Amino acid sequence: VRRDRLREDVVSMRRKMRAELDRSTPLLFDLKHGEGGLGDIEFLVQYLVLLNAREHEDVIFYSDNIRQLDALVEAGCIDPAVGNALQDAYRDFRLRSHHLGLDDQSALVSQDEFTAEREFVAETWDAWLG
């Protein structure tokens, strides 16, 4: 029951944030708030940390997503290939977002960019939280 409630709360919170903040359009993808973007990775990682913290205390040691994913993999909570792919997508999204910010541009990219990464993140979200 507690796990179901956690899942429901995370999904509800993410849905509300996306409704308020996602600036994606048919031509542009919001790296932070679009479906399959940074926000989904961050929410998914936090969900997995909370879900597994009682049985695997090491997953709460770090506060950043990359090392939290490492800890989740190390504890056997997620498959190493999934952890690595989420880390790669996270790094790619963050790097592009930072470059856009340095150019005084918002974190919006063409819908044609990062399609494989976004699909993977969305599929992983659905597997855990769908």
C-alpha atoms as a PDB file:
ATOM      1  CA  VAL A   1       0.000   0.000   0.000  1.00  0.00           C
ATOM      2  CA  ARG A   2       2.802   2.422   0.910  1.00  0.00           C
ATOM      3  CA  ARG A   3       4.588   1.735  -2.386  1.00  0.00           C
ATOM      4  CA  ASP A   4       1.393   2.313  -4.359  1.00  0.00           C
ATOM      5  CA  ARG A   5       0.839   5.607  -2.553  1.00  0.00           C
ATOM      6  CA  LEU A   6       4.408   6.699  -3.278  1.00  0.00           C
ATOM      7  CA  ARG A   7       3.959   5.889  -6.972  1.00  0.00           C
ATOM      8  CA  GLU A   8       0.635   7.741  -7.115  1.00  0.00           C
ATOM      9  CA  ASP A   9       2.092  10.797  -5.378  1.00  0.00           C
ATOM     10  CA  VAL A  10       5.130  10.960  -7.669  1.00  0.00           C
ATOM     11  CA  VAL A  11       3.036  10.536 -10.821  1.00  0.00           C
ATOM     12  CA  SER A  12       0.542  13.155  -9.662  1.00  0.00           C
ATOM     13  CA  MET A  13       3.230  15.679  -8.772  1.00  0.00           C
ATOM     14  CA  ARG A  14       5.030  15.179 -12.079  1.00  0.00           C
ATOM     15  CA  ARG A  15       1.777  15.511 -14.013  1.00  0.00           C
ATOM     16  CA  LYS A  16       1.001  18.823 -12.270  1.00  0.00           C
ATOM     17  CA  MET A  17       4.476  20.196 -12.891  1.00  0.00           C
ATOM     18  CA  ARG A  18       4.370  19.234 -16.553  1.00  0.00           C
ATOM     19  CA  ALA A  19       0.952  20.850 -16.990  1.00  0.00           C
ATOM     20  CA  GLU A  20       2.247  24.103 -15.485  1.00  0.00           C
ATOM     21  CA  LEU A  21       5.793  24.253 -16.816  1.00  0.00           C
ATOM     22  CA  ASP A  22       6.171  22.241 -20.039  1.00  0.00           C
ATOM     23  CA  ARG A  23       6.780  24.655 -22.915  1.00  0.00           C
ATOM     24  CA  SER A  24       7.014  21.969 -25.584  1.00  0.00           C
ATOM     25  CA  THR A  25       5.246  22.651 -28.870  1.00  0.00           C
ATOM     26  CA  PRO A  26       4.732  20.538 -31.980  1.00  0.00           C
ATOM     27  CA  LEU A  27       8.124  21.840 -33.188  1.00  0.00           C
ATOM     28  CA  LEU A  28      10.056  22.269 -29.928  1.00  0.00           C
ATOM     29  CA  PHE A  29      10.891  19.998 -27.005  1.00  0.00           C
ATOM     30  CA  ASP A  30      11.348  21.373 -23.480  1.00  0.00           C
ATOM     31  CA  LEU A  31      14.482  19.630 -22.195  1.00  0.00           C
ATOM     32  CA  LYS A  32      13.530  20.125 -18.557  1.00  0.00           C
ATOM     33  CA  HIS A  33       9.785  19.604 -18.455  1.00  0.00           C
ATOM     34  CA  GLY A  34       8.896  17.735 -21.658  1.00  0.00           C
ATOM     35  CA  GLU A  35       7.900  14.090 -21.568  1.00  0.00           C
ATOM     36  CA  GLY A  36      11.047  11.966 -21.443  1.00  0.00           C
ATOM     37  CA  GLY A  37      13.239  14.898 -20.402  1.00  0.00           C
ATOM     38  CA  LEU A  38      15.322  15.925 -17.413  1.00  0.00           C
ATOM     39  CA  GLY A  39      12.391  16.287 -15.056  1.00  0.00           C
ATOM     40  CA  ASP A  40      11.202  12.758 -15.730  1.00  0.00           C
ATOM     41  CA  ILE A  41      14.658  11.377 -15.000  1.00  0.00           C
ATOM     42  CA  GLU A  42      14.879  13.390 -11.784  1.00  0.00           C
ATOM     43  CA  PHE A  43      11.444  12.299 -10.578  1.00  0.00           C
ATOM     44  CA  LEU A  44      12.121   8.679 -11.520  1.00  0.00           C
ATOM     45  CA  VAL A  45      15.440   8.642  -9.666  1.00  0.00           C
ATOM     46  CA  GLN A  46      13.880  10.174  -6.562  1.00  0.00           C
ATOM     47  CA  TYR A  47      11.065   7.633  -6.707  1.00  0.00           C
ATOM     48  CA  LEU A  48      13.541   4.766  -6.961  1.00  0.00           C
ATOM     49  CA  VAL A  49      15.616   6.150  -4.094  1.00  0.00           C
ATOM     50  CA  LEU A  50      12.565   6.494  -1.851  1.00  0.00           C
ATOM     51  CA  LEU A  51      11.257   3.100  -2.906  1.00  0.00           C
ATOM     52  CA  ASN A  52      14.511   1.349  -2.035  1.00  0.00           C
ATOM     53  CA  ALA A  53      15.975   3.433   0.814  1.00  0.00           C
ATOM     54  CA  ARG A  54      14.653   1.237   3.615  1.00  0.00           C
ATOM     55  CA  GLU A  55      16.289  -1.929   2.274  1.00  0.00           C
ATOM     56  CA  HIS A  56      19.353  -0.268   0.704  1.00  0.00           C
ATOM     57  CA  GLU A  57      20.540   2.674   2.797  1.00  0.00           C
ATOM     58  CA  ASP A  58      23.420   3.422   0.439  1.00  0.00           C
ATOM     59  CA  VAL A  59      21.019   4.770  -2.195  1.00  0.00           C
ATOM     60  CA  ILE A  60      20.397   7.892  -0.072  1.00  0.00           C
ATOM     61  CA  PHE A  61      24.055   8.781   0.449  1.00  0.00           C
ATOM     62  CA  TYR A  62      24.363  11.078  -2.583  1.00  0.00           C
ATOM     63  CA  SER A  63      22.119  13.958  -3.563  1.00  0.00           C
ATOM     64  CA  ASP A  64      22.858  14.118  -7.298  1.00  0.00           C
ATOM     65  CA  ASN A  65      21.088  12.003  -9.894  1.00  0.00           C
ATOM     66  CA  ILE A  66      24.193  10.521 -11.505  1.00  0.00           C
ATOM     67  CA  ARG A  67      25.588   9.092  -8.269  1.00  0.00           C
ATOM     68  CA  GLN A  68      22.135   8.092  -7.062  1.00  0.00           C
ATOM     69  CA  LEU A  69      21.761   6.030 -10.228  1.00  0.00           C
ATOM     70  CA  ASP A  70      25.173   4.471  -9.541  1.00  0.00           C
ATOM     71  CA  ALA A  71      24.020   3.592  -6.024  1.00  0.00           C
ATOM     72  CA  LEU A  72      20.742   2.118  -7.303  1.00  0.00           C
ATOM     73  CA  VAL A  73      22.663  -0.060  -9.762  1.00  0.00           C
ATOM     74  CA  GLU A  74      25.218  -1.074  -7.126  1.00  0.00           C
ATOM     75  CA  ALA A  75      22.413  -2.084  -4.744  1.00  0.00           C
ATOM     76  CA  GLY A  76      20.774  -4.173  -7.462  1.00  0.00           C
ATOM     77  CA  CYS A  77      17.670  -1.982  -7.580  1.00  0.00           C
ATOM     78  CA  ILE A  78      17.913  -1.303 -11.304  1.00  0.00           C
ATOM     79  CA  ASP A  79      19.612  -2.968 -14.233  1.00  0.00           C
ATOM     80  CA  PRO A  80      23.076  -1.535 -15.018  1.00  0.00           C
ATOM     81  CA  ALA A  81      22.141  -0.931 -18.668  1.00  0.00           C
ATOM     82  CA  VAL A  82      19.103   1.093 -17.586  1.00  0.00           C
ATOM     83  CA  GLY A  83      21.147   3.079 -15.081  1.00  0.00           C
ATOM     84  CA  ASN A  84      23.832   3.836 -17.653  1.00  0.00           C
ATOM     85  CA  ALA A  85      21.315   4.864 -20.307  1.00  0.00           C
ATOM     86  CA  LEU A  86      19.515   7.173 -17.858  1.00  0.00           C
ATOM     87  CA  GLN A  87      22.838   8.731 -16.870  1.00  0.00           C
ATOM     88  CA  ASP A  88      23.810   9.253 -20.510  1.00  0.00           C
ATOM     89  CA  ALA A  89      20.471  10.870 -21.341  1.00  0.00           C
ATOM     90  CA  TYR A  90      20.684  13.052 -18.235  1.00  0.00           C
ATOM     91  CA  ARG A  91      24.190  14.228 -19.130  1.00  0.00           C
ATOM     92  CA  ASP A  92      23.222  14.897 -22.765  1.00  0.00           C
ATOM     93  CA  PHE A  93      20.123  16.881 -21.763  1.00  0.00           C
ATOM     94  CA  ARG A  94      22.019  18.876 -19.125  1.00  0.00           C
ATOM     95  CA  LEU A  95      24.914  19.658 -21.452  1.00  0.00           C
ATOM     96  CA  ARG A  96      22.582  20.925 -24.163  1.00  0.00           C
ATOM     97  CA  SER A  97      20.560  22.882 -21.620  1.00  0.00           C
ATOM     98  CA  HIS A  98      23.700  24.537 -20.238  1.00  0.00           C
ATOM     99  CA  HIS A  99      24.921  25.478 -23.720  1.00  0.00           C
ATOM    100  CA  LEU A 100      21.554  27.045 -24.510  1.00  0.00           C
ATOM    101  CA  GLY A 101      21.624  28.932 -21.220  1.00  0.00           C
ATOM    102  CA  LEU A 102      25.093  30.298 -21.966  1.00  0.00           C
ATOM    103  CA  ASP A 103      23.667  31.645 -25.233  1.00  0.00           C
ATOM    104  CA  ASP A 104      20.756  33.237 -23.325  1.00  0.00           C
ATOM    105  CA  GLN A 105      18.327  30.792 -24.893  1.00  0.00           C
ATOM    106  CA  SER A 106      15.667  28.760 -23.161  1.00  0.00           C
ATOM    107  CA  ALA A 107      16.041  24.978 -22.863  1.00  0.00           C
ATOM    108  CA  LEU A 108      13.978  24.236 -25.961  1.00  0.00           C
ATOM    109  CA  VAL A 109      15.284  22.110 -28.814  1.00  0.00           C
ATOM    110  CA  SER A 110      13.834  20.757 -32.023  1.00  0.00           C
ATOM    111  CA  GLN A 111      11.399  17.855 -31.614  1.00  0.00           C
ATOM    112  CA  ASP A 112      13.831  15.963 -33.876  1.00  0.00           C
ATOM    113  CA  GLU A 113      16.593  16.059 -31.248  1.00  0.00           C
ATOM    114  CA  PHE A 114      17.178  13.409 -28.584  1.00  0.00           C
ATOM    115  CA  THR A 115      14.341  11.222 -29.878  1.00  0.00           C
ATOM    116  CA  ALA A 116      15.937   7.913 -28.858  1.00  0.00           C
ATOM    117  CA  GLU A 117      16.871   9.234 -25.426  1.00  0.00           C
ATOM    118  CA  ARG A 118      13.405  10.686 -24.819  1.00  0.00           C
ATOM    119  CA  GLU A 119      11.730   7.458 -25.898  1.00  0.00           C
ATOM    120  CA  PHE A 120      13.974   5.450 -23.575  1.00  0.00           C
ATOM    121  CA  VAL A 121      13.260   7.742 -20.622  1.00  0.00           C
ATOM    122  CA  ALA A 122       9.511   7.622 -21.320  1.00  0.00           C
ATOM    123  CA  GLU A 123       9.569   3.812 -21.613  1.00  0.00           C
ATOM    124  CA  THR A 124      11.553   3.511 -18.384  1.00  0.00           C
ATOM    125  CA  TRP A 125       9.106   5.879 -16.662  1.00  0.00           C
ATOM    126  CA  ASP A 126       6.201   3.741 -17.864  1.00  0.00           C
ATOM    127  CA  ALA A 127       7.899   0.541 -16.690  1.00  0.00           C
ATOM    128  CA  TRP A 128       8.247   1.894 -13.138  1.00  0.00           C
ATOM    129  CA  LEU A 129       5.454   4.421 -12.836  1.00  0.00           C
ATOM    130  CA  GLY A 130       3.050   3.799 -15.726  1.00  0.00           C
END
